[in-house]
Amino acid sequence: MDLKAIQAALLFGGQSGPGGDWAEAVCAPFTASGGTVVCSPLAGRALTVTAAGATTQAGGGTAAPGNIRALGGVGENGSLTLTAAGGETREVEIPLTGPLYTGDMVALAADGSVTETHRAVKLTVDGSENWISWTNPRDTADITVPGTIGSLGDILCSHYSPLAGTLSSDAGLYTVSTNTTAEPGKTRIILRHGFKTLALFKEYLKAQADAGTPVTFVYKLTPATETPTVTKRTAEPLCAVPDADGLCTVQGGGALTVTGYEDPRATRRALEKRIAALEAKA
């Protein structure tokens, strides 16, 4: 490897040219995760960033017909913007096929390739579905949906809260629960809806849909048994320009995982600042 090329790259942040990737030889790779990631990347080198989806719920308190908590996800506006801020601010906007809920993710590689993966399902109902009425408790109905839901913690509803305890005639009103079906790869979503008849319950679902506040579920499919929807495309790489201290802050939506090559000069600058601080105290 050309030593002069490496020295020049370290001094000026440039590329080593066709002689090989000098960064792999002299810079340590790093991986950092969090809602906001602060790192010391090599200037001019593209970062790899993965953004995890997250199901959000508006408002507060327990979801109920009298306290509707609408469901959302990361990238509701149709895109996700990744930002690397340091000496300069760089942005990359990634178009999405749909919001990223818990279980979903989008990854931007160093070459600009994008992989969008959806493992969550958003289901909106309006009463036209094949709801099955229960005899005990009578104000309960279920619907069979595609996909295996691992646990009650993997589903949220806008109008009904997760069931705590057992479903009985005197508990669990305005709750949602799940159960497996005899048909592999499907799950029953159970609602304790509070209406005396199934017809009244379906009328309520239709009225909510007509009013623009439909009963909505978001649930995550079990990774071991389901095949996610994967979309691939290309975007601009996210190249960082660290500040004077060699730091760069990466933000986006949801939890981020950032990988790249660490600038060895950042370690030197940190040591110099530490030594200066110690000398000032002496």
Foldseek 3Di string as FASTA:
>chain_A
DDPVLLVVCLVPVDASPPPDGVLVVPFDKDKDKFQKDKAQFRFPFFKKKKFAKAKDWPDDDFAAQVQFTDIDMFCQVQWWWKWKDAQHIDIWIGGDPHGHHHQWMWIQDRQFKIKTWHQKDKDFDQLPADWAADVFVRQKTKHKDFADFPALVFKDKRHAGDADDDDHNVGRARHWGKDPDPDPRMIIIMGSDPDNHSVVVSNVQNVCVVVVNHIMMMGGHDVVPDDIDMDMDGIDTHGHDHYPLSMMMMHIDHMMMMMHTHSPVNVVSVVVVVVVVVVVVD
